[in-house]
Amino acid sequence: MNRKGNMNTKLTLTIEKSTIRKAKLYARKKGKSLSGIVQNYLEIVARDSNETDIELTPIVRSLKGAFTAPADFDYRKALSGELSKKYRR
């Protein structure tokens, strides 16, 4: 059992040797186990993936779909142009 009272399970991963070597060095420098670092990472990934299920407020829900950009709209080009105008000296 781990610190949260859950059962630990072994996991086999295929990772490049150089990556494993670097990760072990990193873990050693941080005073942590590589398994602990991987577990923490996976917990963060799993938690963040659930955040997309956040319920929208009524105001946000009412605005959803209120604007439809033209099919050929280039957001990056438009943003770049507006920022150039704003910060032109």
C-alpha atoms as a PDB file:
ATOM      1  CA  MET A   1       0.000   0.000   0.000  1.00  0.00           C
ATOM      2  CA  ASN A   2       1.147   3.520  -0.706  1.00  0.00           C
ATOM      3  CA  ARG A   3       0.851   6.688   1.359  1.00  0.00           C
ATOM      4  CA  LYS A   4      -2.736   7.230   0.144  1.00  0.00           C
ATOM      5  CA  GLY A   5      -3.841   3.768   1.195  1.00  0.00           C
ATOM      6  CA  ASN A   6      -4.044   2.456  -2.370  1.00  0.00           C
ATOM      7  CA  MET A   7      -2.447  -0.730  -3.617  1.00  0.00           C
ATOM      8  CA  ASN A   8       0.687  -0.306  -5.725  1.00  0.00           C
ATOM      9  CA  THR A   9       0.843  -2.075  -9.084  1.00  0.00           C
ATOM     10  CA  LYS A  10       3.901  -2.713 -11.244  1.00  0.00           C
ATOM     11  CA  LEU A  11       3.976  -1.098 -14.662  1.00  0.00           C
ATOM     12  CA  THR A  12       6.355  -1.937 -17.490  1.00  0.00           C
ATOM     13  CA  LEU A  13       7.297   0.905 -19.824  1.00  0.00           C
ATOM     14  CA  THR A  14       9.497   1.000 -22.893  1.00  0.00           C
ATOM     15  CA  ILE A  15      11.645   4.120 -22.762  1.00  0.00           C
ATOM     16  CA  GLU A  16      14.921   5.047 -24.454  1.00  0.00           C
ATOM     17  CA  LYS A  17      17.997   4.264 -22.354  1.00  0.00           C
ATOM     18  CA  SER A  18      19.269   7.843 -22.519  1.00  0.00           C
ATOM     19  CA  THR A  19      15.943   9.139 -21.207  1.00  0.00           C
ATOM     20  CA  ILE A  20      15.995   6.648 -18.329  1.00  0.00           C
ATOM     21  CA  ARG A  21      19.572   7.604 -17.472  1.00  0.00           C
ATOM     22  CA  LYS A  22      18.681  11.327 -17.410  1.00  0.00           C
ATOM     23  CA  ALA A  23      15.502  10.694 -15.422  1.00  0.00           C
ATOM     24  CA  LYS A  24      17.358   8.632 -12.806  1.00  0.00           C
ATOM     25  CA  LEU A  25      19.969  11.363 -12.465  1.00  0.00           C
ATOM     26  CA  TYR A  26      17.229  13.972 -12.072  1.00  0.00           C
ATOM     27  CA  ALA A  27      15.459  11.862  -9.431  1.00  0.00           C
ATOM     28  CA  ARG A  28      18.701  11.330  -7.522  1.00  0.00           C
ATOM     29  CA  LYS A  29      19.441  15.090  -7.533  1.00  0.00           C
ATOM     30  CA  LYS A  30      15.929  15.801  -6.253  1.00  0.00           C
ATOM     31  CA  GLY A  31      16.143  13.070  -3.596  1.00  0.00           C
ATOM     32  CA  LYS A  32      13.107  11.264  -5.003  1.00  0.00           C
ATOM     33  CA  SER A  33      12.436   7.904  -6.556  1.00  0.00           C
ATOM     34  CA  LEU A  34      11.835   7.682 -10.281  1.00  0.00           C
ATOM     35  CA  SER A  35       8.635   5.751  -9.572  1.00  0.00           C
ATOM     36  CA  GLY A  36       7.432   8.584  -7.348  1.00  0.00           C
ATOM     37  CA  ILE A  37       8.154  11.181 -10.006  1.00  0.00           C
ATOM     38  CA  VAL A  38       6.315   9.163 -12.670  1.00  0.00           C
ATOM     39  CA  GLN A  39       3.379   8.616 -10.319  1.00  0.00           C
ATOM     40  CA  ASN A  40       3.136  12.331  -9.529  1.00  0.00           C
ATOM     41  CA  TYR A  41       3.228  13.161 -13.243  1.00  0.00           C
ATOM     42  CA  LEU A  42       0.496  10.649 -14.047  1.00  0.00           C
ATOM     43  CA  GLU A  43      -1.660  11.974 -11.198  1.00  0.00           C
ATOM     44  CA  ILE A  44      -1.338  15.509 -12.620  1.00  0.00           C
ATOM     45  CA  VAL A  45      -2.165  14.347 -16.142  1.00  0.00           C
ATOM     46  CA  ALA A  46      -5.180  12.389 -14.900  1.00  0.00           C
ATOM     47  CA  ARG A  47      -6.383  15.326 -12.789  1.00  0.00           C
ATOM     48  CA  ASP A  48      -5.968  17.872 -15.623  1.00  0.00           C
ATOM     49  CA  SER A  49      -7.862  15.675 -18.067  1.00  0.00           C
ATOM     50  CA  ASN A  50     -10.888  15.820 -15.755  1.00  0.00           C
ATOM     51  CA  GLU A  51     -10.823  19.625 -15.661  1.00  0.00           C
ATOM     52  CA  THR A  52     -12.315  19.765 -19.149  1.00  0.00           C
ATOM     53  CA  ASP A  53     -15.528  18.494 -17.569  1.00  0.00           C
ATOM     54  CA  ILE A  54     -16.024  21.766 -15.655  1.00  0.00           C
ATOM     55  CA  GLU A  55     -19.635  22.916 -15.743  1.00  0.00           C
ATOM     56  CA  LEU A  56     -20.124  26.195 -17.587  1.00  0.00           C
ATOM     57  CA  THR A  57     -21.843  29.066 -15.822  1.00  0.00           C
ATOM     58  CA  PRO A  58     -25.160  30.223 -17.317  1.00  0.00           C
ATOM     59  CA  ILE A  59     -23.562  33.397 -18.726  1.00  0.00           C
ATOM     60  CA  VAL A  60     -20.724  31.499 -20.412  1.00  0.00           C
ATOM     61  CA  ARG A  61     -23.179  28.898 -21.694  1.00  0.00           C
ATOM     62  CA  SER A  62     -25.317  31.676 -23.240  1.00  0.00           C
ATOM     63  CA  LEU A  63     -22.272  33.104 -25.037  1.00  0.00           C
ATOM     64  CA  LYS A  64     -21.102  29.762 -26.386  1.00  0.00           C
ATOM     65  CA  GLY A  65     -21.491  29.780 -30.164  1.00  0.00           C
ATOM     66  CA  ALA A  66     -22.480  33.468 -30.231  1.00  0.00           C
ATOM     67  CA  PHE A  67     -19.639  34.246 -32.646  1.00  0.00           C
ATOM     68  CA  THR A  68     -18.843  32.246 -35.742  1.00  0.00           C
ATOM     69  CA  ALA A  69     -15.661  33.187 -37.596  1.00  0.00           C
ATOM     70  CA  PRO A  70     -15.489  32.871 -41.364  1.00  0.00           C
ATOM     71  CA  ALA A  71     -14.042  29.548 -42.553  1.00  0.00           C
ATOM     72  CA  ASP A  72     -10.931  31.296 -43.922  1.00  0.00           C
ATOM     73  CA  PHE A  73     -10.309  33.377 -40.764  1.00  0.00           C
ATOM     74  CA  ASP A  74      -6.638  33.247 -39.734  1.00  0.00           C
ATOM     75  CA  TYR A  75      -6.594  33.942 -35.993  1.00  0.00           C
ATOM     76  CA  ARG A  76      -2.811  34.172 -35.763  1.00  0.00           C
ATOM     77  CA  LYS A  77      -2.587  36.619 -38.658  1.00  0.00           C
ATOM     78  CA  ALA A  78      -5.350  38.786 -37.198  1.00  0.00           C
ATOM     79  CA  LEU A  79      -3.792  38.746 -33.734  1.00  0.00           C
ATOM     80  CA  SER A  80      -0.363  39.565 -35.132  1.00  0.00           C
ATOM     81  CA  GLY A  81      -1.775  42.470 -37.105  1.00  0.00           C
ATOM     82  CA  GLU A  82      -3.660  43.905 -34.141  1.00  0.00           C
ATOM     83  CA  LEU A  83      -0.660  43.561 -31.822  1.00  0.00           C
ATOM     84  CA  SER A  84       1.554  45.269 -34.418  1.00  0.00           C
ATOM     85  CA  LYS A  85      -0.904  48.182 -34.572  1.00  0.00           C
ATOM     86  CA  LYS A  86      -1.128  48.392 -30.794  1.00  0.00           C
ATOM     87  CA  TYR A  87       2.599  48.375 -30.109  1.00  0.00           C
ATOM     88  CA  ARG A  88       3.808  50.278 -33.187  1.00  0.00           C
ATOM     89  CA  ARG A  89       6.073  53.153 -32.235  1.00  0.00           C
END
